[in-house]
């Protein structure tokens, strides 16, 4: 599998992330582009779960805040930007949230 494919795969579900992680660990030396997108993808996955849990709890408690469910659309747009960066083989963070993940997750690198 090419490094570009692994970078893209790091954003496609947690199973895709695991495949990219294992394949990148098999490489010697590890590809910086794939490692970067693995960190971005893992951070985004954690963020998406946390945001979805939080909005679900808030909307269950206060149903008049139903419009908070549209935060998921914002996450979808950010996810598309992340995949576009991987397709273009660029080491650019996900807009708004990506810089938080750049120096995190030492187990990946």
PDB file of N, CA and C in Angstrom:
ATOM      1  N   UNK A   1       0.842  -1.171   0.000  1.00  0.00           N
ATOM      2  CA  UNK A   1       0.000   0.000   0.000  1.00  0.00           C
ATOM      3  C   UNK A   1       0.891   1.239   0.000  1.00  0.00           C
ATOM      4  N   UNK A   2       0.510   2.229  -0.777  1.00  0.00           N
ATOM      5  CA  UNK A   2       1.319   3.449  -0.837  1.00  0.00           C
ATOM      6  C   UNK A   2       1.099   4.305   0.410  1.00  0.00           C
ATOM      7  N   UNK A   3       2.029   5.200   0.650  1.00  0.00           N
ATOM      8  CA  UNK A   3       1.921   6.089   1.805  1.00  0.00           C
ATOM      9  C   UNK A   3       0.728   7.026   1.677  1.00  0.00           C
ATOM     10  N   UNK A   4       0.417   7.422   0.448  1.00  0.00           N
ATOM     11  CA  UNK A   4      -0.751   8.282   0.219  1.00  0.00           C
ATOM     12  C   UNK A   4      -2.027   7.543   0.626  1.00  0.00           C
ATOM     13  N   UNK A   5      -2.127   6.277   0.260  1.00  0.00           N
ATOM     14  CA  UNK A   5      -3.296   5.469   0.616  1.00  0.00           C
ATOM     15  C   UNK A   5      -3.401   5.307   2.127  1.00  0.00           C
ATOM     16  N   UNK A   6      -2.274   5.087   2.782  1.00  0.00           N
ATOM     17  CA  UNK A   6      -2.287   4.949   4.239  1.00  0.00           C
ATOM     18  C   UNK A   6      -2.696   6.251   4.916  1.00  0.00           C
ATOM     19  N   UNK A   7      -2.243   7.380   4.371  1.00  0.00           N
ATOM     20  CA  UNK A   7      -2.624   8.680   4.936  1.00  0.00           C
ATOM     21  C   UNK A   7      -4.131   8.891   4.814  1.00  0.00           C
ATOM     22  N   UNK A   8      -4.700   8.535   3.681  1.00  0.00           N
ATOM     23  CA  UNK A   8      -6.147   8.669   3.489  1.00  0.00           C
ATOM     24  C   UNK A   8      -6.888   7.705   4.403  1.00  0.00           C
ATOM     25  N   UNK A   9      -6.380   6.483   4.492  1.00  0.00           N
ATOM     26  CA  UNK A   9      -7.024   5.440   5.284  1.00  0.00           C
ATOM     27  C   UNK A   9      -7.062   5.790   6.772  1.00  0.00           C
ATOM     28  N   UNK A  10      -6.152   6.638   7.208  1.00  0.00           N
ATOM     29  CA  UNK A  10      -6.116   7.005   8.622  1.00  0.00           C
ATOM     30  C   UNK A  10      -7.329   7.830   9.054  1.00  0.00           C
ATOM     31  N   UNK A  11      -8.127   8.289   8.099  1.00  0.00           N
ATOM     32  CA  UNK A  11      -9.345   9.042   8.424  1.00  0.00           C
ATOM     33  C   UNK A  11     -10.623   8.239   8.184  1.00  0.00           C
ATOM     34  N   UNK A  12     -10.509   7.073   7.575  1.00  0.00           N
ATOM     35  CA  UNK A  12     -11.700   6.303   7.199  1.00  0.00           C
ATOM     36  C   UNK A  12     -11.980   5.258   8.268  1.00  0.00           C
ATOM     37  N   UNK A  13     -12.826   5.563   9.183  1.00  0.00           N
ATOM     38  CA  UNK A  13     -13.239   4.732  10.323  1.00  0.00           C
ATOM     39  C   UNK A  13     -12.054   4.303  11.175  1.00  0.00           C
ATOM     40  N   UNK A  14     -12.339   3.792  12.335  1.00  0.00           N
ATOM     41  CA  UNK A  14     -11.280   3.354  13.242  1.00  0.00           C
ATOM     42  C   UNK A  14     -10.596   2.104  12.697  1.00  0.00           C
ATOM     43  N   UNK A  15     -11.296   1.292  11.937  1.00  0.00           N
ATOM     44  CA  UNK A  15     -10.682   0.107  11.339  1.00  0.00           C
ATOM     45  C   UNK A  15      -9.642   0.529  10.301  1.00  0.00           C
ATOM     46  N   UNK A  16      -9.973   1.503   9.477  1.00  0.00           N
ATOM     47  CA  UNK A  16      -9.014   2.033   8.513  1.00  0.00           C
ATOM     48  C   UNK A  16      -7.808   2.627   9.217  1.00  0.00           C
ATOM     49  N   UNK A  17      -8.061   3.315  10.339  1.00  0.00           N
ATOM     50  CA  UNK A  17      -6.966   3.895  11.107  1.00  0.00           C
ATOM     51  C   UNK A  17      -6.044   2.791  11.622  1.00  0.00           C
ATOM     52  N   UNK A  18      -6.628   1.718  12.135  1.00  0.00           N
ATOM     53  CA  UNK A  18      -5.822   0.603  12.650  1.00  0.00           C
ATOM     54  C   UNK A  18      -4.978  -0.038  11.550  1.00  0.00           C
ATOM     55  N   UNK A  19      -5.561  -0.212  10.372  1.00  0.00           N
ATOM     56  CA  UNK A  19      -4.810  -0.780   9.249  1.00  0.00           C
ATOM     57  C   UNK A  19      -3.633   0.128   8.891  1.00  0.00           C
ATOM     58  N   UNK A  20      -3.880   1.430   8.805  1.00  0.00           N
ATOM     59  CA  UNK A  20      -2.808   2.376   8.476  1.00  0.00           C
ATOM     60  C   UNK A  20      -1.740   2.386   9.564  1.00  0.00           C
ATOM     61  N   UNK A  21      -2.159   2.277  10.813  1.00  0.00           N
ATOM     62  CA  UNK A  21      -1.217   2.267  11.939  1.00  0.00           C
ATOM     63  C   UNK A  21      -0.298   1.053  11.875  1.00  0.00           C
ATOM     64  N   UNK A  22      -0.889  -0.123  11.648  1.00  0.00           N
ATOM     65  CA  UNK A  22      -0.102  -1.357  11.580  1.00  0.00           C
ATOM     66  C   UNK A  22       0.845  -1.329  10.380  1.00  0.00           C
ATOM     67  N   UNK A  23       0.346  -0.914   9.227  1.00  0.00           N
ATOM     68  CA  UNK A  23       1.185  -0.853   8.028  1.00  0.00           C
ATOM     69  C   UNK A  23       2.328   0.149   8.200  1.00  0.00           C
ATOM     70  N   UNK A  24       2.056   1.280   8.831  1.00  0.00           N
ATOM     71  CA  UNK A  24       3.100   2.278   9.046  1.00  0.00           C
ATOM     72  C   UNK A  24       4.147   1.760  10.030  1.00  0.00           C
ATOM     73  N   UNK A  25       3.727   1.002  11.035  1.00  0.00           N
ATOM     74  CA  UNK A  25       4.688   0.433  11.980  1.00  0.00           C
ATOM     75  C   UNK A  25       5.564  -0.622  11.333  1.00  0.00           C
ATOM     76  N   UNK A  26       5.068  -1.279  10.293  1.00  0.00           N
ATOM     77  CA  UNK A  26       5.857  -2.288   9.584  1.00  0.00           C
ATOM     78  C   UNK A  26       6.940  -1.660   8.725  1.00  0.00           C
ATOM     79  N   UNK A  27       6.768  -0.395   8.356  1.00  0.00           N
ATOM     80  CA  UNK A  27       7.750   0.278   7.506  1.00  0.00           C
ATOM     81  C   UNK A  27       8.977   0.669   8.326  1.00  0.00           C
ATOM     82  N   UNK A  28      10.111   0.639   7.672  1.00  0.00           N
ATOM     83  CA  UNK A  28      11.320   1.076   8.335  1.00  0.00           C
ATOM     84  C   UNK A  28      12.105   1.934   7.353  1.00  0.00           C
ATOM     85  N   UNK A  29      12.247   3.212   7.517  1.00  0.00           N
ATOM     86  CA  UNK A  29      11.712   4.039   8.591  1.00  0.00           C
ATOM     87  C   UNK A  29      10.233   4.372   8.362  1.00  0.00           C
ATOM     88  N   UNK A  30       9.575   4.795   9.427  1.00  0.00           N
ATOM     89  CA  UNK A  30       8.165   5.165   9.325  1.00  0.00           C
ATOM     90  C   UNK A  30       8.032   6.443   8.497  1.00  0.00           C
ATOM     91  N   UNK A  31       6.983   6.491   7.703  1.00  0.00           N
ATOM     92  CA  UNK A  31       6.752   7.661   6.854  1.00  0.00           C
ATOM     93  C   UNK A  31       6.186   8.801   7.690  1.00  0.00           C
ATOM     94  N   UNK A  32       6.792   9.987   7.568  1.00  0.00           N
ATOM     95  CA  UNK A  32       6.354  11.151   8.347  1.00  0.00           C
ATOM     96  C   UNK A  32       4.946  11.595   7.978  1.00  0.00           C
ATOM     97  N   UNK A  33       4.604  11.523   6.694  1.00  0.00           N
ATOM     98  CA  UNK A  33       3.273  11.933   6.244  1.00  0.00           C
ATOM     99  C   UNK A  33       2.196  11.038   6.863  1.00  0.00           C
ATOM    100  N   UNK A  34       2.425   9.748   6.829  1.00  0.00           N
ATOM    101  CA  UNK A  34       1.439   8.813   7.388  1.00  0.00           C
ATOM    102  C   UNK A  34       1.333   9.001   8.897  1.00  0.00           C
ATOM    103  N   UNK A  35       2.468   9.140   9.567  1.00  0.00           N
ATOM    104  CA  UNK A  35       2.460   9.357  11.017  1.00  0.00           C
ATOM    105  C   UNK A  35       1.692  10.625  11.371  1.00  0.00           C
ATOM    106  N   UNK A  36       1.914  11.688  10.604  1.00  0.00           N
ATOM    107  CA  UNK A  36       1.208  12.953  10.844  1.00  0.00           C
ATOM    108  C   UNK A  36      -0.302  12.763  10.716  1.00  0.00           C
ATOM    109  N   UNK A  37      -0.734  12.103   9.641  1.00  0.00           N
ATOM    110  CA  UNK A  37      -2.166  11.926   9.439  1.00  0.00           C
ATOM    111  C   UNK A  37      -2.763  10.904  10.409  1.00  0.00           C
ATOM    112  N   UNK A  38      -1.970   9.959  10.885  1.00  0.00           N
ATOM    113  CA  UNK A  38      -2.450   9.049  11.933  1.00  0.00           C
ATOM    114  C   UNK A  38      -2.752   9.829  13.211  1.00  0.00           C
ATOM    115  N   UNK A  39      -1.876  10.754  13.562  1.00  0.00           N
ATOM    116  CA  UNK A  39      -2.111  11.578  14.758  1.00  0.00           C
ATOM    117  C   UNK A  39      -3.339  12.460  14.581  1.00  0.00           C
ATOM    118  N   UNK A  40      -3.454  13.083  13.414  1.00  0.00           N
ATOM    119  CA  UNK A  40      -4.609  13.935  13.145  1.00  0.00           C
ATOM    120  C   UNK A  40      -5.906  13.106  13.159  1.00  0.00           C
ATOM    121  N   UNK A  41      -5.870  11.946  12.525  1.00  0.00           N
ATOM    122  CA  UNK A  41      -7.054  11.092  12.458  1.00  0.00           C
ATOM    123  C   UNK A  41      -7.483  10.571  13.819  1.00  0.00           C
ATOM    124  N   UNK A  42      -6.505  10.159  14.652  1.00  0.00           N
ATOM    125  CA  UNK A  42      -6.826   9.657  15.983  1.00  0.00           C
ATOM    126  C   UNK A  42      -7.415  10.760  16.852  1.00  0.00           C
ATOM    127  N   UNK A  43      -6.800  11.937  16.806  1.00  0.00           N
ATOM    128  CA  UNK A  43      -7.318  13.072  17.571  1.00  0.00           C
ATOM    129  C   UNK A  43      -8.712  13.465  17.126  1.00  0.00           C
ATOM    130  N   UNK A  44      -8.935  13.456  15.819  1.00  0.00           N
ATOM    131  CA  UNK A  44     -10.252  13.816  15.295  1.00  0.00           C
ATOM    132  C   UNK A  44     -11.300  12.782  15.708  1.00  0.00           C
ATOM    133  N   UNK A  45     -10.921  11.502  15.700  1.00  0.00           N
ATOM    134  CA  UNK A  45     -11.837  10.445  16.116  1.00  0.00           C
ATOM    135  C   UNK A  45     -12.255  10.645  17.583  1.00  0.00           C
ATOM    136  N   UNK A  46     -11.305  10.924  18.453  1.00  0.00           N
ATOM    137  CA  UNK A  46     -11.610  11.161  19.868  1.00  0.00           C
ATOM    138  C   UNK A  46     -12.482  12.400  20.021  1.00  0.00           C
ATOM    139  N   UNK A  47     -12.145  13.461  19.305  1.00  0.00           N
ATOM    140  CA  UNK A  47     -12.936  14.694  19.359  1.00  0.00           C
ATOM    141  C   UNK A  47     -14.367  14.457  18.901  1.00  0.00           C
ATOM    142  N   UNK A  48     -14.553  13.725  17.813  1.00  0.00           N
ATOM    143  CA  UNK A  48     -15.893  13.474  17.281  1.00  0.00           C
ATOM    144  C   UNK A  48     -16.738  12.685  18.280  1.00  0.00           C
ATOM    145  N   UNK A  49     -16.148  11.686  18.914  1.00  0.00           N
ATOM    146  CA  UNK A  49     -16.891  10.910  19.906  1.00  0.00           C
ATOM    147  C   UNK A  49     -17.272  11.788  21.092  1.00  0.00           C
ATOM    148  N   UNK A  50     -16.324  12.582  21.581  1.00  0.00           N
ATOM    149  CA  UNK A  50     -16.595  13.443  22.732  1.00  0.00           C
ATOM    150  C   UNK A  50     -17.688  14.468  22.417  1.00  0.00           C
ATOM    151  N   UNK A  51     -17.615  15.077  21.243  1.00  0.00           N
ATOM    152  CA  UNK A  51     -18.619  16.079  20.855  1.00  0.00           C
ATOM    153  C   UNK A  51     -19.989  15.425  20.708  1.00  0.00           C
ATOM    154  N   UNK A  52     -20.045  14.259  20.091  1.00  0.00           N
ATOM    155  CA  UNK A  52     -21.333  13.585  19.923  1.00  0.00           C
ATOM    156  C   UNK A  52     -21.941  13.160  21.248  1.00  0.00           C
ATOM    157  N   UNK A  53     -21.129  12.671  22.174  1.00  0.00           N
ATOM    158  CA  UNK A  53     -21.645  12.309  23.503  1.00  0.00           C
ATOM    159  C   UNK A  53     -22.151  13.549  24.227  1.00  0.00           C
ATOM    160  N   UNK A  54     -21.353  14.611  24.200  1.00  0.00           N
ATOM    161  CA  UNK A  54     -21.738  15.846  24.890  1.00  0.00           C
ATOM    162  C   UNK A  54     -23.026  16.442  24.319  1.00  0.00           C
ATOM    163  N   UNK A  55     -23.129  16.522  22.999  1.00  0.00           N
ATOM    164  CA  UNK A  55     -24.344  17.102  22.418  1.00  0.00           C
ATOM    165  C   UNK A  55     -25.556  16.220  22.677  1.00  0.00           C
ATOM    166  N   UNK A  56     -25.379  14.918  22.673  1.00  0.00           N
ATOM    167  CA  UNK A  56     -26.504  14.022  22.960  1.00  0.00           C
ATOM    168  C   UNK A  56     -27.005  14.226  24.381  1.00  0.00           C
ATOM    169  N   UNK A  57     -26.095  14.322  25.327  1.00  0.00           N
ATOM    170  CA  UNK A  57     -26.503  14.529  26.729  1.00  0.00           C
ATOM    171  C   UNK A  57     -27.192  15.868  26.894  1.00  0.00           C
ATOM    172  N   UNK A  58     -26.625  16.921  26.308  1.00  0.00           N
ATOM    173  CA  UNK A  58     -27.220  18.258  26.448  1.00  0.00           C
ATOM    174  C   UNK A  58     -28.608  18.292  25.817  1.00  0.00           C
ATOM    175  N   UNK A  59     -28.773  17.700  24.655  1.00  0.00           N
ATOM    176  CA  UNK A  59     -30.072  17.724  23.976  1.00  0.00           C
ATOM    177  C   UNK A  59     -31.093  16.862  24.718  1.00  0.00           C
ATOM    178  N   UNK A  60     -30.638  15.782  25.340  1.00  0.00           N
ATOM    179  CA  UNK A  60     -31.574  14.962  26.129  1.00  0.00           C
ATOM    180  C   UNK A  60     -32.079  15.724  27.358  1.00  0.00           C
ATOM    181  N   UNK A  61     -31.204  16.511  27.969  1.00  0.00           N
ATOM    182  CA  UNK A  61     -31.579  17.272  29.157  1.00  0.00           C
ATOM    183  C   UNK A  61     -32.405  18.497  28.773  1.00  0.00           C
ATOM    184  N   UNK A  62     -31.989  19.175  27.707  1.00  0.00           N
ATOM    185  CA  UNK A  62     -32.666  20.397  27.263  1.00  0.00           C
ATOM    186  C   UNK A  62     -33.037  20.268  25.791  1.00  0.00           C
ATOM    187  N   UNK A  63     -34.180  19.659  25.492  1.00  0.00           N
ATOM    188  CA  UNK A  63     -34.559  19.407  24.092  1.00  0.00           C
ATOM    189  C   UNK A  63     -34.660  20.654  23.221  1.00  0.00           C
ATOM    190  N   UNK A  64     -34.877  21.821  23.816  1.00  0.00           N
ATOM    191  CA  UNK A  64     -34.989  23.038  23.011  1.00  0.00           C
ATOM    192  C   UNK A  64     -33.647  23.423  22.377  1.00  0.00           C
ATOM    193  N   UNK A  65     -32.564  22.757  22.775  1.00  0.00           N
ATOM    194  CA  UNK A  65     -31.259  22.992  22.165  1.00  0.00           C
ATOM    195  C   UNK A  65     -30.968  21.977  21.060  1.00  0.00           C
ATOM    196  N   UNK A  66     -32.028  21.508  20.406  1.00  0.00           N
ATOM    197  CA  UNK A  66     -31.906  20.486  19.365  1.00  0.00           C
ATOM    198  C   UNK A  66     -30.946  20.887  18.246  1.00  0.00           C
ATOM    199  N   UNK A  67     -30.802  22.185  18.019  1.00  0.00           N
ATOM    200  CA  UNK A  67     -29.937  22.662  16.937  1.00  0.00           C
ATOM    201  C   UNK A  67     -28.466  22.317  17.174  1.00  0.00           C
ATOM    202  N   UNK A  68     -28.094  21.934  18.386  1.00  0.00           N
ATOM    203  CA  UNK A  68     -26.710  21.533  18.655  1.00  0.00           C
ATOM    204  C   UNK A  68     -26.339  20.247  17.918  1.00  0.00           C
ATOM    205  N   UNK A  69     -27.340  19.487  17.504  1.00  0.00           N
ATOM    206  CA  UNK A  69     -27.059  18.274  16.741  1.00  0.00           C
ATOM    207  C   UNK A  69     -26.400  18.587  15.405  1.00  0.00           C
ATOM    208  N   UNK A  70     -26.519  19.823  14.938  1.00  0.00           N
ATOM    209  CA  UNK A  70     -25.911  20.212  13.669  1.00  0.00           C
ATOM    210  C   UNK A  70     -24.397  20.405  13.776  1.00  0.00           C
ATOM    211  N   UNK A  71     -23.856  20.300  14.971  1.00  0.00           N
ATOM    212  CA  UNK A  71     -22.408  20.350  15.136  1.00  0.00           C
ATOM    213  C   UNK A  71     -21.774  19.184  14.373  1.00  0.00           C
ATOM    214  N   UNK A  72     -22.510  18.094  14.245  1.00  0.00           N
ATOM    215  CA  UNK A  72     -22.024  16.945  13.479  1.00  0.00           C
ATOM    216  C   UNK A  72     -21.729  17.301  12.028  1.00  0.00           C
ATOM    217  N   UNK A  73     -22.489  18.229  11.465  1.00  0.00           N
ATOM    218  CA  UNK A  73     -22.216  18.677  10.090  1.00  0.00           C
ATOM    219  C   UNK A  73     -20.897  19.434  10.005  1.00  0.00           C
ATOM    220  N   UNK A  74     -20.601  20.199  11.034  1.00  0.00           N
ATOM    221  CA  UNK A  74     -19.319  20.897  11.083  1.00  0.00           C
ATOM    222  C   UNK A  74     -18.171  19.882  11.142  1.00  0.00           C
ATOM    223  N   UNK A  75     -18.360  18.837  11.931  1.00  0.00           N
ATOM    224  CA  UNK A  75     -17.344  17.783  12.000  1.00  0.00           C
ATOM    225  C   UNK A  75     -17.172  17.093  10.649  1.00  0.00           C
ATOM    226  N   UNK A  76     -18.262  16.913   9.927  1.00  0.00           N
ATOM    227  CA  UNK A  76     -18.188  16.308   8.603  1.00  0.00           C
ATOM    228  C   UNK A  76     -17.361  17.178   7.652  1.00  0.00           C
ATOM    229  N   UNK A  77     -17.566  18.477   7.699  1.00  0.00           N
ATOM    230  CA  UNK A  77     -16.813  19.396   6.843  1.00  0.00           C
ATOM    231  C   UNK A  77     -15.320  19.349   7.191  1.00  0.00           C
ATOM    232  N   UNK A  78     -15.005  19.336   8.486  1.00  0.00           N
ATOM    233  CA  UNK A  78     -13.606  19.256   8.912  1.00  0.00           C
ATOM    234  C   UNK A  78     -12.979  17.937   8.470  1.00  0.00           C
ATOM    235  N   UNK A  79     -13.745  16.854   8.529  1.00  0.00           N
ATOM    236  CA  UNK A  79     -13.281  15.535   8.108  1.00  0.00           C
ATOM    237  C   UNK A  79     -12.941  15.539   6.615  1.00  0.00           C
ATOM    238  N   UNK A  80     -13.779  16.198   5.813  1.00  0.00           N
ATOM    239  CA  UNK A  80     -13.520  16.290   4.377  1.00  0.00           C
ATOM    240  C   UNK A  80     -12.232  17.077   4.116  1.00  0.00           C
ATOM    241  N   UNK A  81     -12.022  18.171   4.854  1.00  0.00           N
ATOM    242  CA  UNK A  81     -10.775  18.930   4.708  1.00  0.00           C
ATOM    243  C   UNK A  81      -9.570  18.060   5.048  1.00  0.00           C
ATOM    244  N   UNK A  82      -9.694  17.238   6.072  1.00  0.00           N
ATOM    245  CA  UNK A  82      -8.589  16.360   6.473  1.00  0.00           C
ATOM    246  C   UNK A  82      -8.266  15.358   5.373  1.00  0.00           C
ATOM    247  N   UNK A  83      -9.286  14.780   4.778  1.00  0.00           N
ATOM    248  CA  UNK A  83      -9.069  13.813   3.703  1.00  0.00           C
ATOM    249  C   UNK A  83      -8.455  14.498   2.482  1.00  0.00           C
ATOM    250  N   UNK A  84      -8.887  15.710   2.185  1.00  0.00           N
ATOM    251  CA  UNK A  84      -8.311  16.453   1.055  1.00  0.00           C
ATOM    252  C   UNK A  84      -6.821  16.704   1.288  1.00  0.00           C
ATOM    253  N   UNK A  85      -6.443  17.047   2.524  1.00  0.00           N
ATOM    254  CA  UNK A  85      -5.027  17.236   2.835  1.00  0.00           C
ATOM    255  C   UNK A  85      -4.245  15.938   2.645  1.00  0.00           C
ATOM    256  N   UNK A  86      -4.827  14.820   3.020  1.00  0.00           N
ATOM    257  CA  UNK A  86      -4.157  13.525   2.851  1.00  0.00           C
ATOM    258  C   UNK A  86      -4.030  13.175   1.374  1.00  0.00           C
ATOM    259  N   UNK A  87      -5.075  13.432   0.595  1.00  0.00           N
ATOM    260  CA  UNK A  87      -5.031  13.151  -0.844  1.00  0.00           C
ATOM    261  C   UNK A  87      -3.948  13.985  -1.528  1.00  0.00           C
ATOM    262  N   UNK A  88      -3.806  15.229  -1.109  1.00  0.00           N
ATOM    263  CA  UNK A  88      -2.795  16.118  -1.691  1.00  0.00           C
ATOM    264  C   UNK A  88      -1.412  15.906  -1.084  1.00  0.00           C
ATOM    265  N   UNK A  89      -1.298  14.953  -0.164  1.00  0.00           N
ATOM    266  CA  UNK A  89      -0.034  14.623   0.507  1.00  0.00           C
ATOM    267  C   UNK A  89       0.571  15.837   1.195  1.00  0.00           C
ATOM    268  N   UNK A  90      -0.271  16.595   1.884  1.00  0.00           N
ATOM    269  CA  UNK A  90       0.169  17.783   2.606  1.00  0.00           C
ATOM    270  C   UNK A  90       0.120  17.506   4.106  1.00  0.00           C
ATOM    271  N   UNK A  91       1.097  18.013   4.818  1.00  0.00           N
ATOM    272  CA  UNK A  91       1.105  17.901   6.268  1.00  0.00           C
ATOM    273  C   UNK A  91       0.506  19.180   6.855  1.00  0.00           C
ATOM    274  N   UNK A  92      -0.785  19.371   6.607  1.00  0.00           N
ATOM    275  CA  UNK A  92      -1.499  20.525   7.122  1.00  0.00           C
ATOM    276  C   UNK A  92      -2.494  20.033   8.169  1.00  0.00           C
ATOM    277  N   UNK A  93      -2.621  20.760   9.273  1.00  0.00           N
ATOM    278  CA  UNK A  93      -3.574  20.329  10.306  1.00  0.00           C
ATOM    279  C   UNK A  93      -5.021  20.520   9.847  1.00  0.00           C
ATOM    280  N   UNK A  94      -5.899  19.771  10.472  1.00  0.00           N
ATOM    281  CA  UNK A  94      -7.330  19.946  10.240  1.00  0.00           C
ATOM    282  C   UNK A  94      -7.680  21.359  10.703  1.00  0.00           C
ATOM    283  N   UNK A  95      -8.434  22.114   9.909  1.00  0.00           N
ATOM    284  CA  UNK A  95      -8.774  23.485  10.323  1.00  0.00           C
ATOM    285  C   UNK A  95      -9.414  23.520  11.711  1.00  0.00           C
ATOM    286  N   UNK A  96      -9.077  24.510  12.476  1.00  0.00           N
ATOM    287  CA  UNK A  96      -9.592  24.816  13.801  1.00  0.00           C
ATOM    288  C   UNK A  96      -9.078  23.846  14.876  1.00  0.00           C
ATOM    289  N   UNK A  97      -9.235  22.550  14.710  1.00  0.00           N
ATOM    290  CA  UNK A  97      -8.927  21.592  15.767  1.00  0.00           C
ATOM    291  C   UNK A  97      -7.602  20.861  15.575  1.00  0.00           C
ATOM    292  N   UNK A  98      -7.072  20.847  14.384  1.00  0.00           N
ATOM    293  CA  UNK A  98      -5.869  20.084  14.071  1.00  0.00           C
ATOM    294  C   UNK A  98      -4.624  20.445  14.866  1.00  0.00           C
ATOM    295  N   UNK A  99      -4.373  21.730  15.127  1.00  0.00           N
ATOM    296  CA  UNK A  99      -3.162  22.062  15.891  1.00  0.00           C
ATOM    297  C   UNK A  99      -3.115  21.421  17.280  1.00  0.00           C
ATOM    298  N   UNK A 100      -4.250  21.091  17.840  1.00  0.00           N
ATOM    299  CA  UNK A 100      -4.265  20.435  19.153  1.00  0.00           C
ATOM    300  C   UNK A 100      -3.641  19.045  19.104  1.00  0.00           C
ATOM    301  N   UNK A 101      -3.655  18.408  17.946  1.00  0.00           N
ATOM    302  CA  UNK A 101      -3.220  17.020  17.837  1.00  0.00           C
ATOM    303  C   UNK A 101      -1.794  16.859  17.321  1.00  0.00           C
ATOM    304  N   UNK A 102      -1.152  17.923  16.892  1.00  0.00           N
ATOM    305  CA  UNK A 102       0.143  17.817  16.230  1.00  0.00           C
ATOM    306  C   UNK A 102       1.238  17.222  17.114  1.00  0.00           C
ATOM    307  N   UNK A 103       1.297  17.579  18.362  1.00  0.00           N
ATOM    308  CA  UNK A 103       2.362  17.091  19.243  1.00  0.00           C
ATOM    309  C   UNK A 103       1.842  16.122  20.303  1.00  0.00           C
ATOM    310  N   UNK A 104       0.720  15.503  20.027  1.00  0.00           N
ATOM    311  CA  UNK A 104       0.120  14.550  20.955  1.00  0.00           C
ATOM    312  C   UNK A 104       0.325  13.128  20.457  1.00  0.00           C
ATOM    313  N   UNK A 105      -0.083  12.173  21.255  1.00  0.00           N
ATOM    314  CA  UNK A 105      -0.110  10.750  20.874  1.00  0.00           C
ATOM    315  C   UNK A 105       1.277  10.228  20.507  1.00  0.00           C
ATOM    316  N   UNK A 106       2.162  10.238  21.465  1.00  0.00           N
ATOM    317  CA  UNK A 106       3.549   9.798  21.248  1.00  0.00           C
ATOM    318  C   UNK A 106       3.629   8.339  20.825  1.00  0.00           C
ATOM    319  N   UNK A 107       2.646   7.532  21.184  1.00  0.00           N
ATOM    320  CA  UNK A 107       2.677   6.115  20.807  1.00  0.00           C
ATOM    321  C   UNK A 107       2.569   5.906  19.303  1.00  0.00           C
ATOM    322  N   UNK A 108       2.111   6.916  18.582  1.00  0.00           N
ATOM    323  CA  UNK A 108       1.965   6.786  17.127  1.00  0.00           C
ATOM    324  C   UNK A 108       3.306   6.998  16.444  1.00  0.00           C
ATOM    325  N   UNK A 109       4.061   7.964  16.875  1.00  0.00           N
ATOM    326  CA  UNK A 109       5.309   8.302  16.202  1.00  0.00           C
ATOM    327  C   UNK A 109       6.420   7.499  16.665  1.00  0.00           C
TER     328      UNK A 109
END
